[in-house]
Protein backbone atom coordinates (compact mmCIF):
# COMPACT_ATOMS: atom_id res chain seq x y z
CA UNK A 1 10.23 -249.19 -4.71
CA UNK A 2 13.79 -248.10 -4.64
CA UNK A 3 16.33 -250.89 -5.37
CA UNK A 4 20.18 -249.88 -4.98
CA UNK A 5 20.94 -252.47 -7.59
CA UNK A 6 19.28 -250.36 -10.15
CA UNK A 7 21.54 -247.99 -12.25
CA UNK A 8 19.42 -244.95 -13.13
CA UNK A 9 19.67 -242.89 -16.27
CA UNK A 10 19.49 -239.34 -15.00
CA UNK A 11 20.28 -236.98 -18.15
CA UNK A 12 19.76 -236.47 -21.67
CA UNK A 13 23.55 -237.01 -22.34
CA UNK A 14 23.55 -240.27 -20.60
CA UNK A 15 20.40 -241.43 -22.26
CA UNK A 16 21.77 -240.31 -25.91
CA UNK A 17 25.13 -242.22 -25.01
CA UNK A 18 23.22 -245.36 -24.57
CA UNK A 19 20.35 -245.05 -27.31
CA UNK A 20 22.47 -242.98 -30.01
CA UNK A 21 21.07 -240.50 -32.32
CA UNK A 22 17.98 -240.94 -34.50
CA UNK A 23 18.34 -241.31 -38.42
CA UNK A 24 17.52 -238.13 -40.43
CA UNK A 25 14.36 -239.66 -41.64
CA UNK A 26 13.04 -240.39 -38.24
CA UNK A 27 13.83 -236.94 -36.99
CA UNK A 28 12.54 -235.11 -39.84
CA UNK A 29 9.36 -237.22 -40.63
CA UNK A 30 7.02 -235.04 -38.33
CA UNK A 31 4.80 -232.67 -39.94
CA UNK A 32 2.09 -229.87 -38.62
CA UNK A 33 -0.71 -230.69 -41.14
CA UNK A 34 -2.71 -233.68 -42.57
CA UNK A 35 -1.57 -235.12 -45.82
CA UNK A 36 -3.99 -236.80 -48.06
CA UNK A 37 -2.72 -240.26 -46.85
CA UNK A 38 -3.34 -239.20 -43.21
CA UNK A 39 -6.89 -238.39 -44.00
CA UNK A 40 -7.25 -241.92 -45.44
CA UNK A 41 -5.81 -243.54 -42.69
CA UNK A 42 -8.28 -241.69 -40.16
CA UNK A 43 -11.17 -242.60 -42.56
CA UNK A 44 -10.34 -246.27 -42.07
CA UNK A 45 -9.25 -246.23 -38.33
CA UNK A 46 -11.72 -247.62 -36.00
CA UNK A 47 -9.54 -247.37 -32.74
CA UNK A 48 -7.10 -245.08 -31.29
CA UNK A 49 -5.60 -244.48 -27.68
CA UNK A 50 -5.66 -241.00 -26.24
CA UNK A 51 -2.75 -239.79 -23.72
CA UNK A 52 -3.42 -236.92 -21.20
CA UNK A 53 -1.64 -235.34 -18.37
CA UNK A 54 -2.97 -233.15 -15.73
CA UNK A 55 -1.21 -229.89 -14.72
CA UNK A 56 0.13 -232.00 -11.63
CA UNK A 57 1.75 -234.51 -13.91
CA UNK A 58 -1.02 -237.50 -13.23
CA UNK A 59 -1.49 -239.33 -16.63
CA UNK A 60 -4.13 -241.23 -18.34
CA UNK A 61 -4.31 -243.27 -21.51
CA UNK A 62 -7.79 -243.98 -22.69
CA UNK A 63 -9.06 -246.31 -25.66
CA UNK A 64 -11.68 -244.78 -28.19
CA UNK A 65 -13.10 -246.96 -30.67
CA UNK A 66 -16.34 -246.58 -33.25
CA UNK A 67 -16.91 -247.18 -36.81
CA UNK A 68 -14.05 -246.49 -39.13
CA UNK A 69 -13.80 -242.74 -39.61
CA UNK A 70 -15.12 -241.81 -36.41
CA UNK A 71 -12.54 -238.95 -36.16
CA UNK A 72 -13.70 -236.22 -38.41
CA UNK A 73 -11.08 -234.04 -40.35
CA UNK A 74 -12.48 -230.57 -39.97
CA UNK A 75 -9.48 -228.86 -41.86
CA UNK A 76 -5.77 -229.71 -42.61
CA UNK A 77 -4.70 -229.13 -39.00
CA UNK A 78 -7.76 -229.87 -36.96
CA UNK A 79 -9.74 -233.02 -36.12
CA UNK A 80 -12.79 -233.94 -33.92
CA UNK A 81 -13.41 -236.98 -31.75
CA UNK A 82 -16.79 -237.91 -30.58
CA UNK A 83 -17.31 -238.98 -26.66
CA UNK A 84 -19.56 -241.98 -26.29
CA UNK A 85 -21.33 -243.31 -23.00
CA UNK A 86 -18.76 -244.66 -20.47
CA UNK A 87 -18.01 -245.20 -17.03
CA UNK A 88 -18.32 -241.56 -16.57
CA UNK A 89 -14.75 -241.11 -15.00
CA UNK A 90 -13.77 -238.77 -17.53
CA UNK A 91 -10.10 -239.01 -16.53
CA UNK A 92 -8.76 -237.80 -19.87
CA UNK A 93 -11.21 -234.82 -19.99
CA UNK A 94 -10.36 -233.78 -16.58
CA UNK A 95 -6.76 -233.91 -17.41
CA UNK A 96 -7.68 -231.59 -20.50
CA UNK A 97 -9.28 -228.95 -18.44
CA UNK A 98 -5.86 -228.23 -16.68
CA UNK A 99 -3.44 -229.27 -19.47
CA UNK A 100 -4.94 -229.23 -22.95
CA UNK A 101 -1.95 -231.03 -24.44
CA UNK A 102 -2.70 -234.80 -25.78
CA UNK A 103 -1.36 -237.60 -27.80
CA UNK A 104 -3.21 -239.82 -30.07
CA UNK A 105 -2.08 -243.22 -31.85
CA UNK A 106 -4.46 -244.45 -34.66
CA UNK A 107 -4.46 -248.15 -35.34
CA UNK A 108 -5.63 -250.05 -38.44
CA UNK A 109 -6.55 -253.87 -37.45
CA UNK A 110 -4.01 -256.13 -38.96
CA UNK A 111 -1.26 -253.37 -39.53
CA UNK A 112 1.60 -252.82 -37.52
CA UNK A 113 2.39 -249.28 -38.32
CA UNK A 114 0.46 -246.44 -36.82
CA UNK A 115 -0.63 -242.83 -37.07
CA UNK A 116 0.55 -240.45 -34.17
CA UNK A 117 -0.82 -237.37 -33.53
CA UNK A 118 0.14 -234.68 -30.96
CA UNK A 119 -1.65 -231.49 -30.16
CA UNK A 120 -3.85 -229.49 -27.97
CA UNK A 121 -7.51 -230.29 -27.40
CA UNK A 122 -10.68 -228.29 -26.34
CA UNK A 123 -13.89 -230.29 -25.17
CA UNK A 124 -16.80 -228.91 -27.19
CA UNK A 125 -20.61 -229.38 -26.08
CA UNK A 126 -22.10 -228.41 -29.29
CA UNK A 127 -21.08 -227.96 -32.75
CA UNK A 128 -22.63 -228.52 -36.37
CA UNK A 129 -20.41 -231.24 -37.16
CA UNK A 130 -22.18 -233.23 -34.09
CA UNK A 131 -24.90 -234.59 -36.49
CA UNK A 132 -21.92 -236.20 -38.77
CA UNK A 133 -21.02 -237.94 -35.41
CA UNK A 134 -24.19 -240.17 -35.00
CA UNK A 135 -23.62 -243.72 -34.58
CA UNK A 136 -26.45 -246.27 -33.81
CA UNK A 137 -28.64 -243.40 -33.13
CA UNK A 138 -26.21 -241.80 -30.45
CA UNK A 139 -25.41 -238.22 -31.02
CA UNK A 140 -22.69 -237.34 -28.82
CA UNK A 141 -22.98 -234.91 -25.99
CA UNK A 142 -19.46 -234.02 -26.17
CA UNK A 143 -16.37 -233.94 -28.53
CA UNK A 144 -12.67 -233.24 -28.49
CA UNK A 145 -11.55 -230.85 -31.05
CA UNK A 146 -7.82 -231.23 -31.55
CA UNK A 147 -5.44 -228.72 -33.27
CA UNK A 148 -2.59 -230.72 -34.58
CA UNK A 149 0.87 -229.81 -33.61
CA UNK A 150 2.70 -232.72 -34.71
CA UNK A 151 1.83 -235.70 -36.96
CA UNK A 152 4.03 -238.72 -38.23
CA UNK A 153 3.53 -242.49 -39.13
CA UNK A 154 5.36 -245.03 -36.81
CA UNK A 155 6.82 -248.19 -37.92
CA UNK A 156 5.70 -251.59 -37.16
CA UNK A 157 8.46 -252.91 -34.72
CA UNK A 158 6.58 -252.99 -31.58
CA UNK A 159 3.54 -255.01 -33.17
CA UNK A 160 6.21 -257.44 -34.92
CA UNK A 161 7.94 -258.13 -31.67
CA UNK A 162 4.71 -258.72 -29.71
CA UNK A 163 2.99 -260.60 -32.42
CA UNK A 164 -0.17 -258.67 -31.64
CA UNK A 165 -2.12 -259.34 -34.82
CA UNK A 166 -0.76 -262.89 -35.09
CA UNK A 167 -3.74 -265.27 -34.28
CA UNK A 168 -1.47 -268.03 -33.19
CA UNK A 169 -0.21 -265.79 -30.35
CA UNK A 170 -3.87 -265.01 -28.98
CA UNK A 171 -4.64 -266.26 -25.65
CA UNK A 172 -7.84 -264.61 -24.69
CA UNK A 173 -8.73 -267.72 -21.99
CA UNK A 174 -5.50 -267.31 -20.14
CA UNK A 175 -7.06 -264.97 -17.80
CA UNK A 176 -10.51 -264.78 -16.13
CA UNK A 177 -12.93 -263.27 -18.14
CA UNK A 178 -14.25 -259.61 -17.62
CA UNK A 179 -17.15 -260.76 -15.16
CA UNK A 180 -14.74 -262.52 -12.97
CA UNK A 181 -12.01 -259.76 -13.02
CA UNK A 182 -14.68 -257.55 -12.15
CA UNK A 183 -15.97 -259.66 -9.13
CA UNK A 184 -12.43 -259.93 -7.78
CA UNK A 185 -11.15 -256.33 -8.34
CA UNK A 186 -13.75 -253.63 -8.45
CA UNK A 187 -17.48 -255.17 -7.95
CA UNK A 188 -16.91 -257.53 -5.28
CA UNK A 189 -20.39 -256.69 -3.77
CA UNK A 190 -22.32 -258.04 -6.89
CA UNK A 191 -22.77 -261.52 -7.67
CA UNK A 192 -20.75 -263.36 -10.23
CA UNK A 193 -24.23 -264.50 -11.81
CA UNK A 194 -25.31 -260.82 -12.28
CA UNK A 195 -21.87 -259.82 -13.60
CA UNK A 196 -21.77 -262.74 -16.19
CA UNK A 197 -25.11 -261.43 -17.43
CA UNK A 198 -24.17 -258.00 -17.42
CA UNK A 199 -20.95 -258.49 -19.44
CA UNK A 200 -22.62 -261.17 -21.63
CA UNK A 201 -23.80 -261.00 -25.03
CA UNK A 202 -26.11 -258.11 -24.29
CA UNK A 203 -23.41 -255.93 -23.34
CA UNK A 204 -22.52 -255.21 -27.03
CA UNK A 205 -26.04 -253.89 -27.60
CA UNK A 206 -25.92 -251.48 -24.98
CA UNK A 207 -22.58 -249.70 -25.81
CA UNK A 208 -24.20 -246.68 -27.22
CA UNK A 209 -27.08 -246.23 -24.52
CA UNK A 210 -25.39 -247.03 -21.40
CA UNK A 211 -22.35 -246.10 -19.54
């Protein structure tokens, strides 16, 4: 949608005039290798977001979660993430086949600061470290091996503004549950009773065995 009342920013110079320049500590905090504290963060993180873009510019952001420490540190510039059973869309992996660049944000529940990693990824179908990625009996069939190009910690402003970790702001029942969303949006041919059962208590027991 184009709205003539919108005033668009079209150059870096215009953008910088509005935003300003970053402080030296923000500009210079990026590194190319894991620090001991980065390794500790990865050892405690159970969740991350992976951003990818295909050669044609189409984008994807996928959540990945597992027990804390699911991301393996292979060396100071290389990490590996297991792939678990999912919906088989593999949007991010398809992007990586044409454009290996990706961005990762690692979270610690309850904390507003995050660890950010940018780099290049390869899709690996077998490696000795796969045996270290077994979770609930699931040995991954694929893994992402990421060569780190940039790493830094990000402050908590977004989480403070949003109140993400403040239970008083949580409203999980403000929208229909997953079964009702699926019925309305992408699984209209299935009964609500079936979907309520599918996404019910047994769903958590199947996350390492079914897509």
